[in-house]
C-alpha atoms as a PDB file:
ATOM      1  CA  MET A   1     -17.430  19.920   2.760  1.00  0.00           C
ATOM      2  CA  ASN A   2     -15.377  19.302   5.862  1.00  0.00           C
ATOM      3  CA  ASP A   3     -12.348  17.045   6.047  1.00  0.00           C
ATOM      4  CA  SER A   4     -14.183  14.425   8.132  1.00  0.00           C
ATOM      5  CA  SER A   5     -16.130  13.449   5.004  1.00  0.00           C
ATOM      6  CA  LYS A   6     -12.893  12.550   3.221  1.00  0.00           C
ATOM      7  CA  LYS A   7     -11.878   8.913   2.960  1.00  0.00           C
ATOM      8  CA  TRP A   8      -8.885   7.116   1.488  1.00  0.00           C
ATOM      9  CA  PHE A   9      -9.484   5.168  -1.713  1.00  0.00           C
ATOM     10  CA  ALA A  10      -7.239   3.373  -4.171  1.00  0.00           C
ATOM     11  CA  VAL A  11      -7.524   4.134  -7.881  1.00  0.00           C
ATOM     12  CA  TYR A  12      -6.353   1.993 -10.780  1.00  0.00           C
ATOM     13  CA  THR A  13      -4.026   3.779 -13.169  1.00  0.00           C
ATOM     14  CA  LYS A  14      -2.636   3.104 -16.573  1.00  0.00           C
ATOM     15  CA  PRO A  15       0.537   0.999 -16.259  1.00  0.00           C
ATOM     16  CA  ARG A  16       3.574   3.084 -15.236  1.00  0.00           C
ATOM     17  CA  TRP A  17       1.468   6.253 -14.812  1.00  0.00           C
ATOM     18  CA  GLU A  18       1.404   6.193 -10.998  1.00  0.00           C
ATOM     19  CA  LYS A  19       3.893   9.040 -10.382  1.00  0.00           C
ATOM     20  CA  LYS A  20       2.444  11.169 -13.197  1.00  0.00           C
ATOM     21  CA  ILE A  21      -1.132  10.785 -11.938  1.00  0.00           C
ATOM     22  CA  ASN A  22      -0.034  11.540  -8.371  1.00  0.00           C
ATOM     23  CA  ALA A  23       1.511  14.833  -9.576  1.00  0.00           C
ATOM     24  CA  ILE A  24      -1.555  15.734 -11.665  1.00  0.00           C
ATOM     25  CA  LEU A  25      -3.942  15.071  -8.768  1.00  0.00           C
ATOM     26  CA  GLN A  26      -1.820  17.136  -6.390  1.00  0.00           C
ATOM     27  CA  SER A  27      -1.736  20.016  -8.890  1.00  0.00           C
ATOM     28  CA  LYS A  28      -5.568  19.886  -8.850  1.00  0.00           C
ATOM     29  CA  GLY A  29      -5.475  20.277  -5.058  1.00  0.00           C
ATOM     30  CA  ILE A  30      -6.470  16.666  -4.411  1.00  0.00           C
ATOM     31  CA  GLU A  31      -4.662  14.841  -1.605  1.00  0.00           C
ATOM     32  CA  SER A  32      -3.003  11.832  -3.199  1.00  0.00           C
ATOM     33  CA  TRP A  33      -0.163   9.491  -2.322  1.00  0.00           C
ATOM     34  CA  CYS A  34       1.903   7.199  -4.482  1.00  0.00           C
ATOM     35  CA  PRO A  35       3.993   5.018  -2.125  1.00  0.00           C
ATOM     36  CA  LEU A  36       7.585   4.703  -3.308  1.00  0.00           C
ATOM     37  CA  HIS A  37      10.430   2.522  -2.111  1.00  0.00           C
ATOM     38  CA  LYS A  38      14.094   2.427  -2.997  1.00  0.00           C
ATOM     39  CA  ILE A  39      15.349  -0.532  -4.994  1.00  0.00           C
ATOM     40  CA  VAL A  40      18.688  -1.404  -6.555  1.00  0.00           C
ATOM     41  CA  ARG A  41      18.625  -1.818 -10.333  1.00  0.00           C
ATOM     42  CA  GLN A  42      21.478  -3.668 -12.007  1.00  0.00           C
ATOM     43  CA  TRP A  43      22.641  -2.652 -15.444  1.00  0.00           C
ATOM     44  CA  SER A  44      25.473  -4.338 -17.301  1.00  0.00           C
ATOM     45  CA  ASP A  45      27.925  -1.597 -16.297  1.00  0.00           C
ATOM     46  CA  ARG A  46      26.576  -0.267 -12.983  1.00  0.00           C
ATOM     47  CA  LYS A  47      24.093  -0.476 -10.130  1.00  0.00           C
ATOM     48  CA  LYS A  48      21.736   2.356  -9.339  1.00  0.00           C
ATOM     49  CA  ILE A  49      19.283   2.976  -6.504  1.00  0.00           C
ATOM     50  CA  ILE A  50      15.941   4.174  -7.839  1.00  0.00           C
ATOM     51  CA  GLU A  51      12.564   5.013  -6.332  1.00  0.00           C
ATOM     52  CA  ASP A  52       9.931   2.646  -7.678  1.00  0.00           C
ATOM     53  CA  THR A  53       6.213   2.477  -7.000  1.00  0.00           C
ATOM     54  CA  LEU A  54       5.259   0.087  -4.220  1.00  0.00           C
ATOM     55  CA  PHE A  55       1.822  -0.806  -5.588  1.00  0.00           C
ATOM     56  CA  LYS A  56       1.848  -1.175  -9.371  1.00  0.00           C
ATOM     57  CA  SER A  57      -1.041   0.680 -11.072  1.00  0.00           C
ATOM     58  CA  TYR A  58      -2.371   2.087  -7.769  1.00  0.00           C
ATOM     59  CA  VAL A  59      -2.484   5.612  -6.367  1.00  0.00           C
ATOM     60  CA  PHE A  60      -4.197   6.441  -3.074  1.00  0.00           C
ATOM     61  CA  VAL A  61      -6.499   9.470  -2.792  1.00  0.00           C
ATOM     62  CA  ASN A  62      -8.090  11.091   0.264  1.00  0.00           C
ATOM     63  CA  VAL A  63     -11.265  12.614  -1.169  1.00  0.00           C
ATOM     64  CA  ASN A  64     -14.872  13.500  -0.514  1.00  0.00           C
ATOM     65  CA  GLU A  65     -17.788  12.723  -2.862  1.00  0.00           C
ATOM     66  CA  GLU A  66     -17.255  15.825  -5.045  1.00  0.00           C
ATOM     67  CA  GLU A  67     -13.532  15.189  -5.467  1.00  0.00           C
ATOM     68  CA  ARG A  68     -14.139  11.559  -6.489  1.00  0.00           C
ATOM     69  CA  ILE A  69     -15.582  12.826  -9.780  1.00  0.00           C
ATOM     70  CA  GLN A  70     -12.508  15.030 -10.359  1.00  0.00           C
ATOM     71  CA  VAL A  71     -10.285  12.005  -9.757  1.00  0.00           C
ATOM     72  CA  LEU A  72     -12.186   9.929 -12.331  1.00  0.00           C
ATOM     73  CA  GLN A  73     -11.898  12.765 -14.876  1.00  0.00           C
ATOM     74  CA  THR A  74      -8.093  12.731 -14.581  1.00  0.00           C
ATOM     75  CA  ASN A  75      -6.282  11.406 -17.649  1.00  0.00           C
ATOM     76  CA  GLY A  76      -4.662   8.053 -16.802  1.00  0.00           C
ATOM     77  CA  VAL A  77      -7.043   7.126 -13.973  1.00  0.00           C
ATOM     78  CA  LEU A  78      -8.980   4.022 -15.011  1.00  0.00           C
ATOM     79  CA  ASN A  79     -11.338   3.592 -12.046  1.00  0.00           C
ATOM     80  CA  PHE A  80     -11.578   3.270  -8.299  1.00  0.00           C
ATOM     81  CA  VAL A  81     -10.698  -0.099  -6.785  1.00  0.00           C
ATOM     82  CA  PHE A  82     -13.970  -1.802  -5.888  1.00  0.00           C
ATOM     83  CA  TYR A  83     -14.649  -4.207  -3.023  1.00  0.00           C
ATOM     84  CA  LEU A  84     -18.088  -5.849  -2.636  1.00  0.00           C
ATOM     85  CA  GLY A  85     -19.549  -3.631  -5.362  1.00  0.00           C
ATOM     86  CA  LYS A  86     -18.475  -0.291  -3.854  1.00  0.00           C
ATOM     87  CA  PRO A  87     -15.271   1.769  -4.034  1.00  0.00           C
ATOM     88  CA  ALA A  88     -12.950   0.202  -1.431  1.00  0.00           C
ATOM     89  CA  VAL A  89     -12.356   2.510   1.530  1.00  0.00           C
ATOM     90  CA  ILE A  90      -8.808   2.202   2.872  1.00  0.00           C
ATOM     91  CA  LYS A  91      -8.547   2.597   6.641  1.00  0.00           C
ATOM     92  CA  ASP A  92      -6.567   5.620   7.851  1.00  0.00           C
ATOM     93  CA  ASP A  93      -4.614   3.215  10.087  1.00  0.00           C
ATOM     94  CA  GLU A  94      -3.463   1.161   7.070  1.00  0.00           C
ATOM     95  CA  ILE A  95      -2.272   4.282   5.211  1.00  0.00           C
ATOM     96  CA  HIS A  96      -0.488   5.533   8.342  1.00  0.00           C
ATOM     97  CA  LEU A  97       1.103   2.114   8.940  1.00  0.00           C
ATOM     98  CA  ILE A  98       2.512   1.897   5.401  1.00  0.00           C
ATOM     99  CA  LYS A  99       3.805   5.497   5.571  1.00  0.00           C
ATOM    100  CA  SER A 100       5.438   4.852   8.965  1.00  0.00           C
ATOM    101  CA  TYR A 101       7.090   1.634   7.838  1.00  0.00           C
ATOM    102  CA  LEU A 102       8.450   3.197   4.643  1.00  0.00           C
ATOM    103  CA  GLN A 103      10.200   5.808   6.808  1.00  0.00           C
ATOM    104  CA  GLU A 104      12.119   3.124   8.729  1.00  0.00           C
ATOM    105  CA  LYS A 105      15.750   2.631   7.784  1.00  0.00           C
ATOM    106  CA  ASP A 106      16.149  -0.377   5.473  1.00  0.00           C
ATOM    107  CA  ALA A 107      12.366  -0.885   5.195  1.00  0.00           C
ATOM    108  CA  THR A 108      11.690  -3.691   2.746  1.00  0.00           C
ATOM    109  CA  ILE A 109       8.225  -4.207   1.296  1.00  0.00           C
ATOM    110  CA  THR A 110       7.123  -6.072  -1.789  1.00  0.00           C
ATOM    111  CA  THR A 111       3.532  -6.807  -2.761  1.00  0.00           C
ATOM    112  CA  HIS A 112       1.695  -9.879  -3.965  1.00  0.00           C
ATOM    113  CA  SER A 113      -1.925 -10.521  -4.812  1.00  0.00           C
ATOM    114  CA  TRP A 114      -3.346 -12.359  -1.799  1.00  0.00           C
ATOM    115  CA  ASP A 115      -5.921 -14.396  -3.698  1.00  0.00           C
ATOM    116  CA  SER A 116      -3.166 -16.861  -4.592  1.00  0.00           C
ATOM    117  CA  LEU A 117      -2.128 -17.399  -0.922  1.00  0.00           C
ATOM    118  CA  ALA A 118      -4.027 -19.416   1.707  1.00  0.00           C
ATOM    119  CA  PRO A 119      -4.608 -18.044   5.241  1.00  0.00           C
ATOM    120  CA  ASP A 120      -2.661 -19.591   8.111  1.00  0.00           C
ATOM    121  CA  ILE A 121      -2.364 -18.338  11.714  1.00  0.00           C
ATOM    122  CA  LYS A 122      -3.119 -15.088  13.537  1.00  0.00           C
ATOM    123  CA  VAL A 123      -0.077 -13.304  14.981  1.00  0.00           C
ATOM    124  CA  LYS A 124       0.704 -10.228  17.039  1.00  0.00           C
ATOM    125  CA  ILE A 125       3.712  -8.107  16.094  1.00  0.00           C
ATOM    126  CA  GLN A 126       6.009  -7.422  19.058  1.00  0.00           C
ATOM    127  CA  HIS A 127       8.473  -4.853  17.636  1.00  0.00           C
ATOM    128  CA  GLY A 128       8.752  -1.866  15.286  1.00  0.00           C
ATOM    129  CA  VAL A 129       6.024   0.288  13.726  1.00  0.00           C
ATOM    130  CA  PHE A 130       3.803  -2.791  13.383  1.00  0.00           C
ATOM    131  CA  MET A 131       4.028  -3.384  17.165  1.00  0.00           C
ATOM    132  CA  ASP A 132       0.755  -4.474  18.793  1.00  0.00           C
ATOM    133  CA  ASN A 133      -0.917  -5.024  15.417  1.00  0.00           C
ATOM    134  CA  THR A 134      -2.400  -8.384  14.580  1.00  0.00           C
ATOM    135  CA  GLY A 135      -2.669 -10.066  11.246  1.00  0.00           C
ATOM    136  CA  THR A 136      -2.915 -13.345   9.454  1.00  0.00           C
ATOM    137  CA  VAL A 137       0.339 -14.933   8.395  1.00  0.00           C
ATOM    138  CA  LEU A 138      -0.200 -16.151   4.892  1.00  0.00           C
ATOM    139  CA  ARG A 139       3.237 -17.617   4.380  1.00  0.00           C
ATOM    140  CA  THR A 140       6.543 -17.439   6.232  1.00  0.00           C
ATOM    141  CA  SER A 141      10.199 -18.009   5.650  1.00  0.00           C
ATOM    142  CA  ARG A 142      13.082 -17.392   8.009  1.00  0.00           C
ATOM    143  CA  LYS A 143      12.778 -13.597   7.765  1.00  0.00           C
ATOM    144  CA  LYS A 144       9.455 -12.714   6.116  1.00  0.00           C
ATOM    145  CA  VAL A 145       5.898 -12.351   7.336  1.00  0.00           C
ATOM    146  CA  TYR A 146       3.066 -11.709   4.882  1.00  0.00           C
ATOM    147  CA  VAL A 147       0.414  -9.290   6.219  1.00  0.00           C
ATOM    148  CA  ARG A 148      -2.959  -8.991   4.490  1.00  0.00           C
ATOM    149  CA  LEU A 149      -4.441  -5.562   3.653  1.00  0.00           C
ATOM    150  CA  GLU A 150      -7.960  -6.770   2.981  1.00  0.00           C
ATOM    151  CA  SER A 151      -9.421  -3.526   1.705  1.00  0.00           C
ATOM    152  CA  LEU A 152      -6.838  -3.481  -1.087  1.00  0.00           C
ATOM    153  CA  GLY A 153      -6.657  -7.170  -1.873  1.00  0.00           C
ATOM    154  CA  GLN A 154      -2.878  -6.879  -1.523  1.00  0.00           C
ATOM    155  CA  VAL A 155      -0.301  -8.499   0.732  1.00  0.00           C
ATOM    156  CA  MET A 156       2.623  -6.567   2.147  1.00  0.00           C
ATOM    157  CA  VAL A 157       5.781  -8.606   2.552  1.00  0.00           C
ATOM    158  CA  VAL A 158       7.540  -7.232   5.600  1.00  0.00           C
ATOM    159  CA  GLU A 159      10.993  -8.487   6.530  1.00  0.00           C
ATOM    160  CA  PHE A 160      11.865  -8.753  10.206  1.00  0.00           C
ATOM    161  CA  PRO A 161      13.089 -11.524  12.550  1.00  0.00           C
ATOM    162  CA  ALA A 162      10.568 -14.255  13.263  1.00  0.00           C
ATOM    163  CA  ALA A 163      11.226 -13.639  16.984  1.00  0.00           C
ATOM    164  CA  HIS A 164       9.236 -10.386  16.622  1.00  0.00           C
ATOM    165  CA  VAL A 165       6.019 -12.332  15.943  1.00  0.00           C
ATOM    166  CA  THR A 166       3.954 -14.162  18.551  1.00  0.00           C
ATOM    167  CA  PRO A 167       1.097 -16.523  17.640  1.00  0.00           C
ATOM    168  CA  ILE A 168      -2.267 -15.586  19.154  1.00  0.00           C
ATOM    169  CA  GLN A 169      -3.942 -18.465  20.991  1.00  0.00           C
END
């Protein structure tokens, strides 16, 4: 099959198996991605910067129909993430946007389930890798804008000055 038949999907994993499953899938020749971000962990005697998974119990795979079966047969993979009764297809643009933002210096992203947050206003981003993208602000503070990734049912919390967001009329 050609690469144009491949689509990005999210798979549920066993808790804390994200990095392991990503490595297993890649060793099988399957394109997978486990987004990581650096966080500071505090112990009683020291602080350490570690790479932690961005989306808990999720790994992204770019697969065709045949490879989907291989993914499901991988130890630790529970199932594909479903949306409206079908495996949720993640847009290439969303994957590219997350990858681009994670490469920015001091990128800060945390995730929240968006079913607990109510929609608010539409905005257009005026600066950075999110420039010219629009989204729904679910909640704001002085420095945070919550952007909905509908195909995942997740919200990315992106920190940047409120001046970089313009409401759409």
